[in-house]
C-alpha atoms as a PDB file:
ATOM      1  CA  MET A   1     -68.488 152.438  23.537  1.00  0.00           C
ATOM      2  CA  ALA A   2     -69.915 155.597  22.137  1.00  0.00           C
ATOM      3  CA  GLY A   3     -73.591 155.958  22.772  1.00  0.00           C
ATOM      4  CA  GLY A   4     -74.203 152.285  23.852  1.00  0.00           C
ATOM      5  CA  THR A   5     -74.072 150.406  27.021  1.00  0.00           C
ATOM      6  CA  GLU A   6     -71.484 147.584  27.316  1.00  0.00           C
ATOM      7  CA  LEU A   7     -72.681 144.708  29.316  1.00  0.00           C
ATOM      8  CA  HIS A   8     -69.570 143.070  30.735  1.00  0.00           C
ATOM      9  CA  ASP A   9     -69.487 140.813  33.880  1.00  0.00           C
ATOM     10  CA  ASP A  10     -65.862 140.814  35.254  1.00  0.00           C
ATOM     11  CA  ASP A  11     -66.784 138.099  37.789  1.00  0.00           C
ATOM     12  CA  GLN A  12     -67.438 135.470  35.009  1.00  0.00           C
ATOM     13  CA  ASP A  13     -64.190 136.105  33.335  1.00  0.00           C
ATOM     14  CA  GLU A  14     -62.145 135.673  36.442  1.00  0.00           C
ATOM     15  CA  ARG A  15     -63.670 132.283  37.540  1.00  0.00           C
ATOM     16  CA  LEU A  16     -61.359 129.554  36.870  1.00  0.00           C
ATOM     17  CA  ILE A  17     -62.461 125.741  36.557  1.00  0.00           C
ATOM     18  CA  THR A  18     -61.284 124.176  39.692  1.00  0.00           C
ATOM     19  CA  GLU A  19     -62.975 120.863  39.398  1.00  0.00           C
ATOM     20  CA  ILE A  20     -62.720 118.151  36.821  1.00  0.00           C
ATOM     21  CA  ASN A  21     -66.105 116.884  35.402  1.00  0.00           C
ATOM     22  CA  VAL A  22     -65.801 113.148  35.925  1.00  0.00           C
ATOM     23  CA  THR A  23     -69.381 112.228  34.389  1.00  0.00           C
ATOM     24  CA  PRO A  24     -67.952 111.705  30.857  1.00  0.00           C
ATOM     25  CA  LEU A  25     -65.204 109.484  32.280  1.00  0.00           C
ATOM     26  CA  VAL A  26     -67.577 107.389  34.511  1.00  0.00           C
ATOM     27  CA  ASP A  27     -69.851 106.861  31.218  1.00  0.00           C
ATOM     28  CA  ILE A  28     -66.966 105.833  29.245  1.00  0.00           C
ATOM     29  CA  MET A  29     -65.739 103.435  31.748  1.00  0.00           C
ATOM     30  CA  LEU A  30     -69.239 101.977  32.381  1.00  0.00           C
ATOM     31  CA  VAL A  31     -69.610 101.228  28.553  1.00  0.00           C
ATOM     32  CA  LEU A  32     -66.238  99.728  28.332  1.00  0.00           C
ATOM     33  CA  LEU A  33     -67.093  97.537  31.293  1.00  0.00           C
ATOM     34  CA  ILE A  34     -70.420  96.443  29.676  1.00  0.00           C
ATOM     35  CA  VAL A  35     -68.556  95.470  26.463  1.00  0.00           C
ATOM     36  CA  PHE A  36     -65.887  93.508  28.269  1.00  0.00           C
ATOM     37  CA  MET A  37     -68.618  91.644  30.210  1.00  0.00           C
ATOM     38  CA  VAL A  38     -70.540  90.884  26.882  1.00  0.00           C
ATOM     39  CA  THR A  39     -67.503  89.784  24.947  1.00  0.00           C
ATOM     40  CA  ALA A  40     -66.330  87.607  27.893  1.00  0.00           C
ATOM     41  CA  SER A  41     -69.429  85.550  27.745  1.00  0.00           C
ATOM     42  CA  PHE A  42     -68.781  84.623  24.221  1.00  0.00           C
ATOM     43  CA  ILE A  43     -65.376  83.002  25.197  1.00  0.00           C
ATOM     44  CA  VAL A  44     -66.347  79.534  26.204  1.00  0.00           C
ATOM     45  CA  SER A  45     -63.636  77.131  27.377  1.00  0.00           C
ATOM     46  CA  PRO A  46     -64.727  73.617  28.173  1.00  0.00           C
ATOM     47  CA  SER A  47     -65.051  72.903  31.898  1.00  0.00           C
ATOM     48  CA  MET A  48     -63.805  69.290  31.359  1.00  0.00           C
ATOM     49  CA  LYS A  49     -59.974  68.751  31.238  1.00  0.00           C
ATOM     50  CA  VAL A  50     -59.153  67.048  27.883  1.00  0.00           C
ATOM     51  CA  GLU A  51     -55.909  65.856  26.613  1.00  0.00           C
ATOM     52  CA  LEU A  52     -55.877  66.033  22.876  1.00  0.00           C
ATOM     53  CA  PRO A  53     -54.411  63.440  20.601  1.00  0.00           C
ATOM     54  CA  SER A  54     -51.388  64.712  18.712  1.00  0.00           C
ATOM     55  CA  GLY A  55     -51.590  64.944  14.656  1.00  0.00           C
ATOM     56  CA  ALA A  56     -49.409  66.010  11.710  1.00  0.00           C
ATOM     57  CA  GLY A  57     -52.251  67.247   9.741  1.00  0.00           C
ATOM     58  CA  LYS A  58     -52.324  70.914   8.628  1.00  0.00           C
ATOM     59  CA  ALA A  59     -54.547  72.876  10.921  1.00  0.00           C
ATOM     60  CA  GLN A  60     -57.682  74.587   9.469  1.00  0.00           C
ATOM     61  CA  ALA A  61     -58.653  77.024  12.184  1.00  0.00           C
ATOM     62  CA  ASP A  62     -59.455  79.875   9.739  1.00  0.00           C
ATOM     63  CA  ARG A  63     -62.952  80.199  11.646  1.00  0.00           C
ATOM     64  CA  GLN A  64     -64.141  79.431  14.873  1.00  0.00           C
ATOM     65  CA  PRO A  65     -66.500  76.346  15.196  1.00  0.00           C
ATOM     66  CA  ASP A  66     -70.085  77.089  15.881  1.00  0.00           C
ATOM     67  CA  VAL A  67     -70.608  74.078  18.085  1.00  0.00           C
ATOM     68  CA  VAL A  68     -68.076  72.483  20.241  1.00  0.00           C
ATOM     69  CA  VAL A  69     -68.724  68.938  21.681  1.00  0.00           C
ATOM     70  CA  VAL A  70     -66.138  67.685  24.502  1.00  0.00           C
ATOM     71  CA  VAL A  71     -65.608  64.093  25.058  1.00  0.00           C
ATOM     72  CA  ASN A  72     -63.379  63.297  28.238  1.00  0.00           C
ATOM     73  CA  ARG A  73     -61.511  60.060  28.915  1.00  0.00           C
ATOM     74  CA  SER A  74     -64.406  58.687  30.779  1.00  0.00           C
ATOM     75  CA  GLY A  75     -66.803  59.122  28.041  1.00  0.00           C
ATOM     76  CA  GLU A  76     -68.825  62.178  29.470  1.00  0.00           C
ATOM     77  CA  ILE A  77     -70.072  64.605  26.798  1.00  0.00           C
ATOM     78  CA  GLU A  78     -70.367  68.300  27.205  1.00  0.00           C
ATOM     79  CA  ILE A  79     -71.776  71.128  24.999  1.00  0.00           C
ATOM     80  CA  GLY A  80     -71.445  74.667  26.296  1.00  0.00           C
ATOM     81  CA  GLN A  81     -70.299  73.593  29.734  1.00  0.00           C
ATOM     82  CA  GLN A  82     -73.403  71.259  30.195  1.00  0.00           C
ATOM     83  CA  LYS A  83     -72.739  67.660  30.660  1.00  0.00           C
ATOM     84  CA  LEU A  84     -75.216  65.745  28.756  1.00  0.00           C
ATOM     85  CA  SER A  85     -76.174  62.041  27.656  1.00  0.00           C
ATOM     86  CA  LEU A  86     -75.925  60.696  24.104  1.00  0.00           C
ATOM     87  CA  GLU A  87     -79.665  61.395  23.868  1.00  0.00           C
ATOM     88  CA  GLN A  88     -79.572  64.893  25.531  1.00  0.00           C
ATOM     89  CA  MET A  89     -76.480  65.674  23.094  1.00  0.00           C
ATOM     90  CA  ALA A  90     -78.599  64.680  20.001  1.00  0.00           C
ATOM     91  CA  VAL A  91     -81.447  67.181  21.170  1.00  0.00           C
ATOM     92  CA  ALA A  92     -79.003  69.764  21.658  1.00  0.00           C
ATOM     93  CA  LEU A  93     -77.326  69.379  18.350  1.00  0.00           C
ATOM     94  CA  ARG A  94     -80.795  69.572  16.472  1.00  0.00           C
ATOM     95  CA  ARG A  95     -81.564  72.840  18.309  1.00  0.00           C
ATOM     96  CA  GLU A  96     -77.982  74.235  17.140  1.00  0.00           C
ATOM     97  CA  HIS A  97     -78.565  72.930  13.598  1.00  0.00           C
ATOM     98  CA  ARG A  98     -82.101  74.347  13.434  1.00  0.00           C
ATOM     99  CA  GLY A  99     -80.798  77.690  14.379  1.00  0.00           C
ATOM    100  CA  LYS A 100     -77.929  77.555  11.953  1.00  0.00           C
ATOM    101  CA  PRO A 101     -78.057  74.873   9.242  1.00  0.00           C
ATOM    102  CA  THR A 102     -74.513  75.427   8.081  1.00  0.00           C
ATOM    103  CA  ALA A 103     -73.037  75.357  11.602  1.00  0.00           C
ATOM    104  CA  ARG A 104     -69.448  74.069  11.974  1.00  0.00           C
ATOM    105  CA  LEU A 105     -69.024  71.276  14.634  1.00  0.00           C
ATOM    106  CA  LEU A 106     -65.886  70.561  16.409  1.00  0.00           C
ATOM    107  CA  VAL A 107     -65.450  67.344  18.623  1.00  0.00           C
ATOM    108  CA  VAL A 108     -62.765  67.813  21.097  1.00  0.00           C
ATOM    109  CA  ALA A 109     -61.959  64.357  22.325  1.00  0.00           C
ATOM    110  CA  ASP A 110     -59.517  63.295  24.982  1.00  0.00           C
ATOM    111  CA  ARG A 111     -56.666  60.938  23.613  1.00  0.00           C
ATOM    112  CA  LYS A 112     -57.742  58.155  26.011  1.00  0.00           C
ATOM    113  CA  ALA A 113     -61.566  58.717  25.386  1.00  0.00           C
ATOM    114  CA  TYR A 114     -63.433  55.563  24.149  1.00  0.00           C
ATOM    115  CA  HIS A 115     -63.532  55.545  20.480  1.00  0.00           C
ATOM    116  CA  GLY A 116     -67.011  54.167  20.280  1.00  0.00           C
ATOM    117  CA  THR A 117     -68.250  57.233  22.108  1.00  0.00           C
ATOM    118  CA  VAL A 118     -66.645  59.728  19.594  1.00  0.00           C
ATOM    119  CA  VAL A 119     -67.838  57.737  16.677  1.00  0.00           C
ATOM    120  CA  ARG A 120     -71.437  58.027  18.257  1.00  0.00           C
ATOM    121  CA  VAL A 121     -71.138  61.910  18.612  1.00  0.00           C
ATOM    122  CA  MET A 122     -69.960  62.168  14.927  1.00  0.00           C
ATOM    123  CA  ASP A 123     -72.613  59.844  13.685  1.00  0.00           C
ATOM    124  CA  ALA A 124     -75.295  61.602  15.631  1.00  0.00           C
ATOM    125  CA  ALA A 125     -74.173  64.923  14.339  1.00  0.00           C
ATOM    126  CA  ARG A 126     -74.096  63.629  10.540  1.00  0.00           C
ATOM    127  CA  SER A 127     -77.442  62.113  10.988  1.00  0.00           C
ATOM    128  CA  ILE A 128     -78.846  65.522  12.205  1.00  0.00           C
ATOM    129  CA  GLY A 129     -77.365  67.152   9.219  1.00  0.00           C
ATOM    130  CA  PHE A 130     -73.957  68.675  10.291  1.00  0.00           C
ATOM    131  CA  GLU A 131     -71.770  68.789   7.158  1.00  0.00           C
ATOM    132  CA  ARG A 132     -68.741  70.421   8.593  1.00  0.00           C
ATOM    133  CA  LEU A 133     -67.138  68.119  11.160  1.00  0.00           C
ATOM    134  CA  GLY A 134     -63.924  68.587  12.767  1.00  0.00           C
ATOM    135  CA  VAL A 135     -61.719  66.824  15.321  1.00  0.00           C
ATOM    136  CA  ALA A 136     -59.327  68.794  17.497  1.00  0.00           C
ATOM    137  CA  VAL A 137     -55.775  67.558  17.623  1.00  0.00           C
ATOM    138  CA  GLU A 138     -52.814  68.948  19.411  1.00  0.00           C
ATOM    139  CA  GLY A 139     -50.422  70.011  16.584  1.00  0.00           C
ATOM    140  CA  LYS A 140     -46.642  68.967  16.512  1.00  0.00           C
ATOM    141  CA  PRO A 141     -44.139  71.858  17.044  1.00  0.00           C
END
């Protein structure tokens, strides 16, 4: 250049990037891991094995239920993978209803469960104030 000094470093131009920066990759993988761990905790499956009765009614699974009460064939009651007595179930249902008054309740009862237990569960839910009750059935193909 005429009259000026050109500052040009040839060493910087010739350096090649020979390493891959994995920090952004690790950051993204950790965020994905956290997202999967959080969403996996929302997927709750009952710990008791239940054989559902079959039914010919139209399924109304447009929205997931807010509360699921499981009754197995020996009459044990479970909410959120906790086995409860009828009294404990009523306390848990009151807590759920207080938190969300418009909650939907689904009763998942084994086909050989004692009918009286299922009726007591549904009566308790109604008396607490649950207006949306459902009973899970196995649909016919």
